PDB file of N, CA and C in Angstrom:
ATOM      1  N   MET A   1     133.221  53.860 -28.970  1.00  0.00           N
ATOM      2  CA  MET A   1     133.752  54.565 -27.830  1.00  0.00           C
ATOM      3  C   MET A   1     134.306  55.889 -28.338  1.00  0.00           C
ATOM      4  N   LEU A   2     133.981  56.932 -27.612  1.00  0.00           N
ATOM      5  CA  LEU A   2     134.460  58.274 -27.946  1.00  0.00           C
ATOM      6  C   LEU A   2     135.204  58.807 -26.739  1.00  0.00           C
ATOM      7  N   VAL A   3     136.381  59.373 -26.988  1.00  0.00           N
ATOM      8  CA  VAL A   3     137.158  59.995 -25.918  1.00  0.00           C
ATOM      9  C   VAL A   3     137.377  61.452 -26.316  1.00  0.00           C
ATOM     10  N   ASN A   4     136.928  62.366 -25.445  1.00  0.00           N
ATOM     11  CA  ASN A   4     137.070  63.780 -25.784  1.00  0.00           C
ATOM     12  C   ASN A   4     138.423  64.333 -25.315  1.00  0.00           C
ATOM     13  N   GLU A   5     138.641  65.605 -25.608  1.00  0.00           N
ATOM     14  CA  GLU A   5     139.944  66.233 -25.303  1.00  0.00           C
ATOM     15  C   GLU A   5     140.265  66.266 -23.814  1.00  0.00           C
ATOM     16  N   ASP A   6     139.257  66.124 -22.955  1.00  0.00           N
ATOM     17  CA  ASP A   6     139.482  66.108 -21.506  1.00  0.00           C
ATOM     18  C   ASP A   6     139.722  64.699 -20.974  1.00  0.00           C
ATOM     19  N   GLY A   7     139.699  63.702 -21.879  1.00  0.00           N
ATOM     20  CA  GLY A   7     139.903  62.323 -21.465  1.00  0.00           C
ATOM     21  C   GLY A   7     138.643  61.645 -20.960  1.00  0.00           C
ATOM     22  N   VAL A   8     137.481  62.282 -21.188  1.00  0.00           N
ATOM     23  CA  VAL A   8     136.208  61.688 -20.786  1.00  0.00           C
ATOM     24  C   VAL A   8     135.833  60.640 -21.833  1.00  0.00           C
ATOM     25  N   VAL A   9     135.532  59.434 -21.367  1.00  0.00           N
ATOM     26  CA  VAL A   9     135.214  58.309 -22.244  1.00  0.00           C
ATOM     27  C   VAL A   9     133.698  58.114 -22.283  1.00  0.00           C
ATOM     28  N   LEU A  10     133.155  58.049 -23.482  1.00  0.00           N
ATOM     29  CA  LEU A  10     131.740  57.735 -23.666  1.00  0.00           C
ATOM     30  C   LEU A  10     131.629  56.399 -24.381  1.00  0.00           C
ATOM     31  N   ILE A  11     130.919  55.457 -23.760  1.00  0.00           N
ATOM     32  CA  ILE A  11     130.624  54.179 -24.385  1.00  0.00           C
ATOM     33  C   ILE A  11     129.113  54.029 -24.349  1.00  0.00           C
ATOM     34  N   ASP A  12     128.514  53.880 -25.523  1.00  0.00           N
ATOM     35  CA  ASP A  12     127.052  53.832 -25.633  1.00  0.00           C
ATOM     36  C   ASP A  12     126.415  55.032 -24.936  1.00  0.00           C
ATOM     37  N   ASN A  13     127.005  56.206 -25.144  1.00  0.00           N
ATOM     38  CA  ASN A  13     126.522  57.481 -24.599  1.00  0.00           C
ATOM     39  C   ASN A  13     126.530  57.554 -23.075  1.00  0.00           C
ATOM     40  N   GLU A  14     127.298  56.697 -22.431  1.00  0.00           N
ATOM     41  CA  GLU A  14     127.446  56.752 -20.980  1.00  0.00           C
ATOM     42  C   GLU A  14     128.900  57.052 -20.631  1.00  0.00           C
ATOM     43  N   ILE A  15     129.090  57.975 -19.686  1.00  0.00           N
ATOM     44  CA  ILE A  15     130.434  58.313 -19.243  1.00  0.00           C
ATOM     45  C   ILE A  15     131.031  57.109 -18.520  1.00  0.00           C
ATOM     46  N   THR A  16     132.243  56.773 -18.919  1.00  0.00           N
ATOM     47  CA  THR A  16     132.939  55.596 -18.397  1.00  0.00           C
ATOM     48  C   THR A  16     134.367  55.992 -18.043  1.00  0.00           C
ATOM     49  N   GLN A  17     134.897  55.410 -17.018  1.00  0.00           N
ATOM     50  CA  GLN A  17     136.292  55.644 -16.643  1.00  0.00           C
ATOM     51  C   GLN A  17     137.220  54.837 -17.561  1.00  0.00           C
ATOM     52  N   ILE A  18     138.414  55.360 -17.821  1.00  0.00           N
ATOM     53  CA  ILE A  18     139.388  54.629 -18.629  1.00  0.00           C
ATOM     54  C   ILE A  18     139.658  53.256 -18.010  1.00  0.00           C
ATOM     55  N   SER A  19     139.672  53.190 -16.692  1.00  0.00           N
ATOM     56  CA  SER A  19     139.950  51.919 -16.015  1.00  0.00           C
ATOM     57  C   SER A  19     138.866  50.865 -16.257  1.00  0.00           C
ATOM     58  N   ALA A  20     137.680  51.254 -16.695  1.00  0.00           N
ATOM     59  CA  ALA A  20     136.590  50.306 -16.955  1.00  0.00           C
ATOM     60  C   ALA A  20     136.585  49.784 -18.383  1.00  0.00           C
ATOM     61  N   ILE A  21     137.378  50.391 -19.249  1.00  0.00           N
ATOM     62  CA  ILE A  21     137.381  50.018 -20.667  1.00  0.00           C
ATOM     63  C   ILE A  21     137.726  48.542 -20.849  1.00  0.00           C
ATOM     64  N   ARG A  22     138.726  48.062 -20.139  1.00  0.00           N
ATOM     65  CA  ARG A  22     139.188  46.681 -20.310  1.00  0.00           C
ATOM     66  C   ARG A  22     138.047  45.685 -20.092  1.00  0.00           C
ATOM     67  N   ASP A  23     137.304  45.836 -19.006  1.00  0.00           N
ATOM     68  CA  ASP A  23     136.213  44.904 -18.719  1.00  0.00           C
ATOM     69  C   ASP A  23     135.092  45.011 -19.752  1.00  0.00           C
ATOM     70  N   ILE A  24     134.807  46.203 -20.211  1.00  0.00           N
ATOM     71  CA  ILE A  24     133.757  46.384 -21.215  1.00  0.00           C
ATOM     72  C   ILE A  24     134.163  45.747 -22.535  1.00  0.00           C
ATOM     73  N   VAL A  25     135.406  45.949 -22.933  1.00  0.00           N
ATOM     74  CA  VAL A  25     135.889  45.349 -24.184  1.00  0.00           C
ATOM     75  C   VAL A  25     135.907  43.821 -24.069  1.00  0.00           C
ATOM     76  N   LYS A  26     136.289  43.283 -22.916  1.00  0.00           N
ATOM     77  CA  LYS A  26     136.257  41.830 -22.723  1.00  0.00           C
ATOM     78  C   LYS A  26     134.829  41.303 -22.867  1.00  0.00           C
ATOM     79  N   ARG A  27     133.863  42.003 -22.296  1.00  0.00           N
ATOM     80  CA  ARG A  27     132.451  41.600 -22.440  1.00  0.00           C
ATOM     81  C   ARG A  27     132.034  41.637 -23.907  1.00  0.00           C
ATOM     82  N   HIS A  28     132.507  42.653 -24.624  1.00  0.00           N
ATOM     83  CA  HIS A  28     132.193  42.792 -26.048  1.00  0.00           C
ATOM     84  C   HIS A  28     132.760  41.605 -26.836  1.00  0.00           C
ATOM     85  N   ILE A  29     134.011  41.281 -26.589  1.00  0.00           N
ATOM     86  CA  ILE A  29     134.687  40.205 -27.329  1.00  0.00           C
ATOM     87  C   ILE A  29     134.036  38.849 -27.064  1.00  0.00           C
ATOM     88  N   THR A  30     133.709  38.581 -25.817  1.00  0.00           N
ATOM     89  CA  THR A  30     133.237  37.254 -25.420  1.00  0.00           C
ATOM     90  C   THR A  30     131.713  37.152 -25.324  1.00  0.00           C
ATOM     91  N   ASN A  31     131.001  38.118 -25.806  1.00  0.00           N
ATOM     92  CA  ASN A  31     129.547  38.184 -25.666  1.00  0.00           C
ATOM     93  C   ASN A  31     128.813  37.035 -26.352  1.00  0.00           C
ATOM     94  N   ASN A  32     129.237  36.681 -27.548  1.00  0.00           N
ATOM     95  CA  ASN A  32     128.598  35.607 -28.325  1.00  0.00           C
ATOM     96  C   ASN A  32     127.088  35.810 -28.482  1.00  0.00           C
ATOM     97  N   GLY A  33     126.685  37.045 -28.715  1.00  0.00           N
ATOM     98  CA  GLY A  33     125.292  37.354 -29.024  1.00  0.00           C
ATOM     99  C   GLY A  33     124.340  37.440 -27.847  1.00  0.00           C
ATOM    100  N   ARG A  34     124.832  37.300 -26.632  1.00  0.00           N
ATOM    101  CA  ARG A  34     123.938  37.332 -25.465  1.00  0.00           C
ATOM    102  C   ARG A  34     123.335  38.712 -25.236  1.00  0.00           C
ATOM    103  N   GLU A  35     124.162  39.760 -25.286  1.00  0.00           N
ATOM    104  CA  GLU A  35     123.682  41.122 -25.071  1.00  0.00           C
ATOM    105  C   GLU A  35     123.713  41.850 -26.424  1.00  0.00           C
ATOM    106  N   PRO A  36     122.594  42.458 -26.829  1.00  0.00           N
ATOM    107  CA  PRO A  36     122.508  43.023 -28.179  1.00  0.00           C
ATOM    108  C   PRO A  36     123.480  44.164 -28.464  1.00  0.00           C
ATOM    109  N   GLN A  37     123.958  44.867 -27.458  1.00  0.00           N
ATOM    110  CA  GLN A  37     124.867  45.991 -27.698  1.00  0.00           C
ATOM    111  C   GLN A  37     126.317  45.540 -27.908  1.00  0.00           C
ATOM    112  N   PHE A  38     126.562  44.235 -27.708  1.00  0.00           N
ATOM    113  CA  PHE A  38     127.918  43.701 -27.887  1.00  0.00           C
ATOM    114  C   PHE A  38     127.952  42.757 -29.088  1.00  0.00           C
ATOM    115  N   SER A  39     129.117  42.207 -29.379  1.00  0.00           N
ATOM    116  CA  SER A  39     129.319  41.402 -30.582  1.00  0.00           C
ATOM    117  C   SER A  39     128.562  40.077 -30.546  1.00  0.00           C
ATOM    118  N   VAL A  40     128.336  39.551 -31.741  1.00  0.00           N
ATOM    119  CA  VAL A  40     127.685  38.252 -31.844  1.00  0.00           C
ATOM    120  C   VAL A  40     128.694  37.109 -31.769  1.00  0.00           C
ATOM    121  N   SER A  41     129.974  37.408 -32.025  1.00  0.00           N
ATOM    122  CA  SER A  41     131.024  36.402 -31.911  1.00  0.00           C
ATOM    123  C   SER A  41     132.371  37.107 -31.751  1.00  0.00           C
ATOM    124  N   PRO A  42     133.354  36.421 -31.178  1.00  0.00           N
ATOM    125  CA  PRO A  42     134.677  37.044 -31.046  1.00  0.00           C
ATOM    126  C   PRO A  42     135.291  37.432 -32.390  1.00  0.00           C
ATOM    127  N   GLN A  43     135.017  36.643 -33.431  1.00  0.00           N
ATOM    128  CA  GLN A  43     135.573  36.943 -34.753  1.00  0.00           C
ATOM    129  C   GLN A  43     134.949  38.199 -35.365  1.00  0.00           C
ATOM    130  N   ASP A  44     133.730  38.529 -34.937  1.00  0.00           N
ATOM    131  CA  ASP A  44     133.037  39.712 -35.454  1.00  0.00           C
ATOM    132  C   ASP A  44     133.188  40.941 -34.560  1.00  0.00           C
ATOM    133  N   ALA A  45     133.828  40.784 -33.428  1.00  0.00           N
ATOM    134  CA  ALA A  45     133.958  41.890 -32.472  1.00  0.00           C
ATOM    135  C   ALA A  45     134.945  42.927 -32.990  1.00  0.00           C
ATOM    136  N   VAL A  46     134.460  44.131 -33.192  1.00  0.00           N
ATOM    137  CA  VAL A  46     135.302  45.261 -33.584  1.00  0.00           C
ATOM    138  C   VAL A  46     135.129  46.327 -32.513  1.00  0.00           C
ATOM    139  N   THR A  47     136.236  46.796 -31.977  1.00  0.00           N
ATOM    140  CA  THR A  47     136.191  47.858 -30.981  1.00  0.00           C
ATOM    141  C   THR A  47     136.462  49.173 -31.696  1.00  0.00           C
ATOM    142  N   SER A  48     135.469  50.045 -31.721  1.00  0.00           N
ATOM    143  CA  SER A  48     135.602  51.345 -32.378  1.00  0.00           C
ATOM    144  C   SER A  48     136.089  52.371 -31.370  1.00  0.00           C
ATOM    145  N   PHE A  49     137.062  53.148 -31.788  1.00  0.00           N
ATOM    146  CA  PHE A  49     137.697  54.135 -30.913  1.00  0.00           C
ATOM    147  C   PHE A  49     137.823  55.433 -31.687  1.00  0.00           C
ATOM    148  N   LYS A  50     137.147  56.456 -31.205  1.00  0.00           N
ATOM    149  CA  LYS A  50     137.203  57.767 -31.838  1.00  0.00           C
ATOM    150  C   LYS A  50     137.551  58.801 -30.782  1.00  0.00           C
ATOM    151  N   THR A  51     138.310  59.792 -31.193  1.00  0.00           N
ATOM    152  CA  THR A  51     138.691  60.868 -30.275  1.00  0.00           C
ATOM    153  C   THR A  51     138.231  62.206 -30.852  1.00  0.00           C
ATOM    154  N   THR A  52     138.242  63.197 -29.979  1.00  0.00           N
ATOM    155  CA  THR A  52     138.064  64.559 -30.459  1.00  0.00           C
ATOM    156  C   THR A  52     139.451  65.177 -30.534  1.00  0.00           C
ATOM    157  N   ARG A  53     139.553  66.223 -31.306  1.00  0.00           N
ATOM    158  CA  ARG A  53     140.852  66.920 -31.407  1.00  0.00           C
ATOM    159  C   ARG A  53     141.250  67.438 -30.038  1.00  0.00           C
ATOM    160  N   GLY A  54     142.518  67.387 -29.756  1.00  0.00           N
ATOM    161  CA  GLY A  54     143.015  67.918 -28.498  1.00  0.00           C
ATOM    162  C   GLY A  54     143.215  66.875 -27.413  1.00  0.00           C
ATOM    163  N   LEU A  55     142.817  65.612 -27.670  1.00  0.00           N
ATOM    164  CA  LEU A  55     143.065  64.563 -26.684  1.00  0.00           C
ATOM    165  C   LEU A  55     144.571  64.395 -26.528  1.00  0.00           C
ATOM    166  N   SER A  56     145.040  64.340 -25.293  1.00  0.00           N
ATOM    167  CA  SER A  56     146.484  64.199 -25.072  1.00  0.00           C
ATOM    168  C   SER A  56     146.958  62.827 -25.550  1.00  0.00           C
ATOM    169  N   TYR A  57     148.197  62.796 -25.952  1.00  0.00           N
ATOM    170  CA  TYR A  57     148.805  61.544 -26.412  1.00  0.00           C
ATOM    171  C   TYR A  57     148.775  60.498 -25.300  1.00  0.00           C
ATOM    172  N   GLU A  58     149.016  60.929 -24.072  1.00  0.00           N
ATOM    173  CA  GLU A  58     149.012  60.009 -22.931  1.00  0.00           C
ATOM    174  C   GLU A  58     147.656  59.334 -22.761  1.00  0.00           C
ATOM    175  N   ASN A  59     146.565  60.105 -22.868  1.00  0.00           N
ATOM    176  CA  ASN A  59     145.229  59.522 -22.753  1.00  0.00           C
ATOM    177  C   ASN A  59     144.908  58.612 -23.931  1.00  0.00           C
ATOM    178  N   TYR A  60     145.344  59.010 -25.111  1.00  0.00           N
ATOM    179  CA  TYR A  60     145.138  58.190 -26.309  1.00  0.00           C
ATOM    180  C   TYR A  60     145.796  56.815 -26.118  1.00  0.00           C
ATOM    181  N   ILE A  61     147.044  56.830 -25.670  1.00  0.00           N
ATOM    182  CA  ILE A  61     147.779  55.575 -25.447  1.00  0.00           C
ATOM    183  C   ILE A  61     147.155  54.781 -24.301  1.00  0.00           C
ATOM    184  N   SER A  62     146.692  55.437 -23.266  1.00  0.00           N
ATOM    185  CA  SER A  62     146.045  54.739 -22.147  1.00  0.00           C
ATOM    186  C   SER A  62     144.814  53.973 -22.607  1.00  0.00           C
ATOM    187  N   VAL A  63     144.014  54.591 -23.457  1.00  0.00           N
ATOM    188  CA  VAL A  63     142.816  53.923 -23.967  1.00  0.00           C
ATOM    189  C   VAL A  63     143.205  52.738 -24.850  1.00  0.00           C
ATOM    190  N   LEU A  64     144.148  52.940 -25.749  1.00  0.00           N
ATOM    191  CA  LEU A  64     144.609  51.836 -26.600  1.00  0.00           C
ATOM    192  C   LEU A  64     145.183  50.695 -25.764  1.00  0.00           C
ATOM    193  N   ASP A  65     145.931  51.025 -24.724  1.00  0.00           N
ATOM    194  CA  ASP A  65     146.490  49.997 -23.846  1.00  0.00           C
ATOM    195  C   ASP A  65     145.390  49.184 -23.176  1.00  0.00           C
ATOM    196  N   GLU A  66     144.322  49.847 -22.744  1.00  0.00           N
ATOM    197  CA  GLU A  66     143.216  49.136 -22.103  1.00  0.00           C
ATOM    198  C   GLU A  66     142.520  48.204 -23.101  1.00  0.00           C
ATOM    199  N   ILE A  67     142.340  48.665 -24.329  1.00  0.00           N
ATOM    200  CA  ILE A  67     141.718  47.827 -25.362  1.00  0.00           C
ATOM    201  C   ILE A  67     142.593  46.602 -25.633  1.00  0.00           C
ATOM    202  N   LYS A  68     143.883  46.824 -25.848  1.00  0.00           N
ATOM    203  CA  LYS A  68     144.787  45.711 -26.139  1.00  0.00           C
ATOM    204  C   LYS A  68     144.925  44.774 -24.944  1.00  0.00           C
ATOM    205  N   SER A  69     144.906  45.315 -23.747  1.00  0.00           N
ATOM    206  CA  SER A  69     144.975  44.482 -22.545  1.00  0.00           C
ATOM    207  C   SER A  69     143.756  43.570 -22.439  1.00  0.00           C
ATOM    208  N   ALA A  70     142.603  44.063 -22.854  1.00  0.00           N
ATOM    209  CA  ALA A  70     141.399  43.232 -22.851  1.00  0.00           C
ATOM    210  C   ALA A  70     141.595  42.019 -23.761  1.00  0.00           C
ATOM    211  N   TYR A  71     142.114  42.254 -24.960  1.00  0.00           N
ATOM    212  CA  TYR A  71     142.379  41.143 -25.878  1.00  0.00           C
ATOM    213  C   TYR A  71     143.416  40.188 -25.301  1.00  0.00           C
ATOM    214  N   ASN A  72     144.456  40.730 -24.702  1.00  0.00           N
ATOM    215  CA  ASN A  72     145.488  39.873 -24.110  1.00  0.00           C
ATOM    216  C   ASN A  72     144.921  39.001 -22.994  1.00  0.00           C
ATOM    217  N   GLU A  73     144.061  39.567 -22.165  1.00  0.00           N
ATOM    218  CA  GLU A  73     143.462  38.795 -21.072  1.00  0.00           C
ATOM    219  C   GLU A  73     142.531  37.707 -21.605  1.00  0.00           C
ATOM    220  N   VAL A  74     141.742  38.036 -22.614  1.00  0.00           N
ATOM    221  CA  VAL A  74     140.858  37.041 -23.207  1.00  0.00           C
ATOM    222  C   VAL A  74     141.684  35.910 -23.826  1.00  0.00           C
ATOM    223  N   ARG A  75     142.761  36.264 -24.517  1.00  0.00           N
ATOM    224  CA  ARG A  75     143.633  35.242 -25.115  1.00  0.00           C
ATOM    225  C   ARG A  75     144.316  34.407 -24.043  1.00  0.00           C
ATOM    226  N   ASP A  76     144.743  35.043 -22.956  1.00  0.00           N
ATOM    227  CA  ASP A  76     145.342  34.297 -21.838  1.00  0.00           C
ATOM    228  C   ASP A  76     144.350  33.284 -21.265  1.00  0.00           C
ATOM    229  N   GLU A  77     143.125  33.726 -21.054  1.00  0.00           N
ATOM    230  CA  GLU A  77     142.097  32.840 -20.497  1.00  0.00           C
ATOM    231  C   GLU A  77     141.833  31.659 -21.434  1.00  0.00           C
ATOM    232  N   ALA A  78     141.791  31.926 -22.736  1.00  0.00           N
ATOM    233  CA  ALA A  78     141.565  30.852 -23.707  1.00  0.00           C
ATOM    234  C   ALA A  78     142.747  29.878 -23.735  1.00  0.00           C
ATOM    235  N   ALA A  79     143.962  30.405 -23.678  1.00  0.00           N
ATOM    236  CA  ALA A  79     145.148  29.538 -23.675  1.00  0.00           C
ATOM    237  C   ALA A  79     145.183  28.684 -22.413  1.00  0.00           C
ATOM    238  N   GLN A  80     144.822  29.276 -21.280  1.00  0.00           N
ATOM    239  CA  GLN A  80     144.762  28.509 -20.024  1.00  0.00           C
ATOM    240  C   GLN A  80     143.737  27.394 -20.145  1.00  0.00           C
ATOM    241  N   SER A  81     142.575  27.723 -20.666  1.00  0.00           N
ATOM    242  CA  SER A  81     141.487  26.761 -20.776  1.00  0.00           C
ATOM    243  C   SER A  81     141.819  25.624 -21.748  1.00  0.00           C
ATOM    244  N   GLN A  82     142.414  25.983 -22.882  1.00  0.00           N
ATOM    245  CA  GLN A  82     142.641  24.995 -23.938  1.00  0.00           C
ATOM    246  C   GLN A  82     143.981  24.279 -23.851  1.00  0.00           C
ATOM    247  N   PHE A  83     145.005  24.975 -23.321  1.00  0.00           N
ATOM    248  CA  PHE A  83     146.352  24.409 -23.344  1.00  0.00           C
ATOM    249  C   PHE A  83     147.041  24.385 -21.983  1.00  0.00           C
ATOM    250  N   GLY A  84     146.367  24.900 -20.952  1.00  0.00           N
ATOM    251  CA  GLY A  84     146.923  24.870 -19.605  1.00  0.00           C
ATOM    252  C   GLY A  84     148.105  25.784 -19.379  1.00  0.00           C
ATOM    253  N   THR A  85     148.194  26.843 -20.160  1.00  0.00           N
ATOM    254  CA  THR A  85     149.305  27.782 -20.032  1.00  0.00           C
ATOM    255  C   THR A  85     148.848  29.169 -20.462  1.00  0.00           C
ATOM    256  N   ASN A  86     149.648  30.195 -20.163  1.00  0.00           N
ATOM    257  CA  ASN A  86     149.268  31.540 -20.610  1.00  0.00           C
ATOM    258  C   ASN A  86     149.557  31.700 -22.104  1.00  0.00           C
ATOM    259  N   TYR A  87     149.048  32.772 -22.663  1.00  0.00           N
ATOM    260  CA  TYR A  87     149.136  32.981 -24.104  1.00  0.00           C
ATOM    261  C   TYR A  87     150.575  33.113 -24.589  1.00  0.00           C
ATOM    262  N   LEU A  88     151.403  33.835 -23.875  1.00  0.00           N
ATOM    263  CA  LEU A  88     152.788  34.013 -24.317  1.00  0.00           C
ATOM    264  C   LEU A  88     153.557  32.697 -24.324  1.00  0.00           C
ATOM    265  N   THR A  89     153.331  31.871 -23.314  1.00  0.00           N
ATOM    266  CA  THR A  89     153.987  30.559 -23.274  1.00  0.00           C
ATOM    267  C   THR A  89     153.466  29.684 -24.402  1.00  0.00           C
ATOM    268  N   TYR A  90     152.170  29.736 -24.623  1.00  0.00           N
ATOM    269  CA  TYR A  90     151.575  29.005 -25.744  1.00  0.00           C
ATOM    270  C   TYR A  90     152.223  29.426 -27.068  1.00  0.00           C
ATOM    271  N   LEU A  91     152.381  30.732 -27.280  1.00  0.00           N
ATOM    272  CA  LEU A  91     153.008  31.224 -28.510  1.00  0.00           C
ATOM    273  C   LEU A  91     154.432  30.726 -28.655  1.00  0.00           C
ATOM    274  N   ALA A  92     155.176  30.728 -27.542  1.00  0.00           N
ATOM    275  CA  ALA A  92     156.569  30.293 -27.577  1.00  0.00           C
ATOM    276  C   ALA A  92     156.684  28.819 -27.953  1.00  0.00           C
ATOM    277  N   ARG A  93     155.663  28.033 -27.653  1.00  0.00           N
ATOM    278  CA  ARG A  93     155.683  26.600 -27.941  1.00  0.00           C
ATOM    279  C   ARG A  93     155.243  26.260 -29.358  1.00  0.00           C
ATOM    280  N   LEU A  94     154.659  27.230 -30.062  1.00  0.00           N
ATOM    281  CA  LEU A  94     154.197  26.969 -31.424  1.00  0.00           C
ATOM    282  C   LEU A  94     155.373  26.698 -32.348  1.00  0.00           C
ATOM    283  N   GLY A  95     155.217  25.704 -33.184  1.00  0.00           N
ATOM    284  CA  GLY A  95     156.227  25.447 -34.204  1.00  0.00           C
ATOM    285  C   GLY A  95     156.029  26.383 -35.372  1.00  0.00           C
ATOM    286  N   ASP A  96     157.015  26.423 -36.259  1.00  0.00           N
ATOM    287  CA  ASP A  96     156.955  27.327 -37.410  1.00  0.00           C
ATOM    288  C   ASP A  96     155.757  27.063 -38.306  1.00  0.00           C
ATOM    289  N   ASP A  97     155.320  25.825 -38.390  1.00  0.00           N
ATOM    290  CA  ASP A  97     154.223  25.488 -39.290  1.00  0.00           C
ATOM    291  C   ASP A  97     152.868  25.412 -38.580  1.00  0.00           C
ATOM    292  N   GLU A  98     152.833  25.724 -37.295  1.00  0.00           N
ATOM    293  CA  GLU A  98     151.586  25.682 -36.536  1.00  0.00           C
ATOM    294  C   GLU A  98     150.904  27.047 -36.551  1.00  0.00           C
ATOM    295  N   GLU A  99     149.581  27.010 -36.631  1.00  0.00           N
ATOM    296  CA  GLU A  99     148.804  28.247 -36.617  1.00  0.00           C
ATOM    297  C   GLU A  99     148.429  28.621 -35.187  1.00  0.00           C
ATOM    298  N   ASP A 100     148.303  29.900 -34.960  1.00  0.00           N
ATOM    299  CA  ASP A 100     147.900  30.421 -33.656  1.00  0.00           C
ATOM    300  C   ASP A 100     146.377  30.359 -33.569  1.00  0.00           C
ATOM    301  N   VAL A 101     145.846  29.255 -33.015  1.00  0.00           N
ATOM    302  CA  VAL A 101     144.393  29.073 -32.957  1.00  0.00           C
ATOM    303  C   VAL A 101     143.732  30.064 -32.010  1.00  0.00           C
ATOM    304  N   ILE A 102     144.449  30.499 -30.982  1.00  0.00           N
ATOM    305  CA  ILE A 102     143.893  31.475 -30.037  1.00  0.00           C
ATOM    306  C   ILE A 102     143.681  32.811 -30.743  1.00  0.00           C
ATOM    307  N   LYS A 103     144.666  33.228 -31.516  1.00  0.00           N
ATOM    308  CA  LYS A 103     144.548  34.492 -32.253  1.00  0.00           C
ATOM    309  C   LYS A 103     143.424  34.411 -33.287  1.00  0.00           C
ATOM    310  N   GLU A 104     143.236  33.248 -33.887  1.00  0.00           N
ATOM    311  CA  GLU A 104     142.134  33.075 -34.837  1.00  0.00           C
ATOM    312  C   GLU A 104     140.786  33.148 -34.123  1.00  0.00           C
ATOM    313  N   GLN A 105     140.723  32.624 -32.898  1.00  0.00           N
ATOM    314  CA  GLN A 105     139.481  32.671 -32.131  1.00  0.00           C
ATOM    315  C   GLN A 105     139.158  34.085 -31.661  1.00  0.00           C
ATOM    316  N   PHE A 106     140.205  34.841 -31.332  1.00  0.00           N
ATOM    317  CA  PHE A 106     140.034  36.191 -30.780  1.00  0.00           C
ATOM    318  C   PHE A 106     140.921  37.185 -31.529  1.00  0.00           C
ATOM    319  N   PRO A 107     140.573  37.490 -32.796  1.00  0.00           N
ATOM    320  CA  PRO A 107     141.395  38.433 -33.569  1.00  0.00           C
ATOM    321  C   PRO A 107     141.261  39.858 -33.042  1.00  0.00           C
ATOM    322  N   LEU A 108     142.366  40.561 -33.012  1.00  0.00           N
ATOM    323  CA  LEU A 108     142.383  41.951 -32.551  1.00  0.00           C
ATOM    324  C   LEU A 108     141.855  42.838 -33.678  1.00  0.00           C
ATOM    325  N   LYS A 109     140.690  43.429 -33.436  1.00  0.00           N
ATOM    326  CA  LYS A 109     140.072  44.306 -34.434  1.00  0.00           C
ATOM    327  C   LYS A 109     139.709  45.619 -33.759  1.00  0.00           C
ATOM    328  N   ILE A 110     140.481  46.648 -34.095  1.00  0.00           N
ATOM    329  CA  ILE A 110     140.239  47.980 -33.544  1.00  0.00           C
ATOM    330  C   ILE A 110     140.025  48.930 -34.717  1.00  0.00           C
ATOM    331  N   SER A 111     138.929  49.662 -34.680  1.00  0.00           N
ATOM    332  CA  SER A 111     138.645  50.670 -35.688  1.00  0.00           C
ATOM    333  C   SER A 111     138.993  52.029 -35.075  1.00  0.00           C
ATOM    334  N   LEU A 112     139.998  52.679 -35.655  1.00  0.00           N
ATOM    335  CA  LEU A 112     140.421  53.993 -35.170  1.00  0.00           C
ATOM    336  C   LEU A 112     139.873  55.060 -36.118  1.00  0.00           C
ATOM    337  N   ALA A 113     138.893  55.788 -35.652  1.00  0.00           N
ATOM    338  CA  ALA A 113     138.257  56.825 -36.472  1.00  0.00           C
ATOM    339  C   ALA A 113     139.012  58.143 -36.325  1.00  0.00           C
ATOM    340  N   GLU A 114     139.076  58.860 -37.410  1.00  0.00           N
ATOM    341  CA  GLU A 114     139.702  60.179 -37.386  1.00  0.00           C
ATOM    342  C   GLU A 114     138.823  61.146 -36.606  1.00  0.00           C
ATOM    343  N   PRO A 115     139.445  62.067 -35.863  1.00  0.00           N
ATOM    344  CA  PRO A 115     138.645  63.092 -35.174  1.00  0.00           C
ATOM    345  C   PRO A 115     137.875  63.938 -36.176  1.00  0.00           C
ATOM    346  N   ASP A 116     136.732  64.436 -35.758  1.00  0.00           N
ATOM    347  CA  ASP A 116     135.956  65.337 -36.618  1.00  0.00           C
ATOM    348  C   ASP A 116     136.746  66.631 -36.807  1.00  0.00           C
ATOM    349  N   PRO A 117     136.664  67.220 -38.008  1.00  0.00           N
ATOM    350  CA  PRO A 117     137.344  68.504 -38.221  1.00  0.00           C
ATOM    351  C   PRO A 117     136.715  69.581 -37.331  1.00  0.00           C
ATOM    352  N   ASP A 118     137.550  70.541 -36.969  1.00  0.00           N
ATOM    353  CA  ASP A 118     137.062  71.652 -36.129  1.00  0.00           C
ATOM    354  C   ASP A 118     136.034  72.483 -36.837  1.00  0.00           C
TER     355      ASP A 118
END
């Protein structure tokens, strides 16, 4: 994903609205090899995010928020399915010696590329 200084988002060379990022990232994370342009498994899903120089901080944070929200929603859905509760409640119930199986199933992997030099 590339976001230019005007806040225009390109995903697979197609202009996309910031509001659509969350659904696209969720499809990427949960694809399991069905669509070739997305990940083969949640553990292998890496969301690449590159900007051009001049992108406003507000737009940068908006894009990151959408990416992280996608992961949070996927984790919530998995916690509901597996444990009958949302992800935050599931986390609160974990004991000190228990591993977060949801986080292992859906690890947050974001690649932040440096903008190209002018």
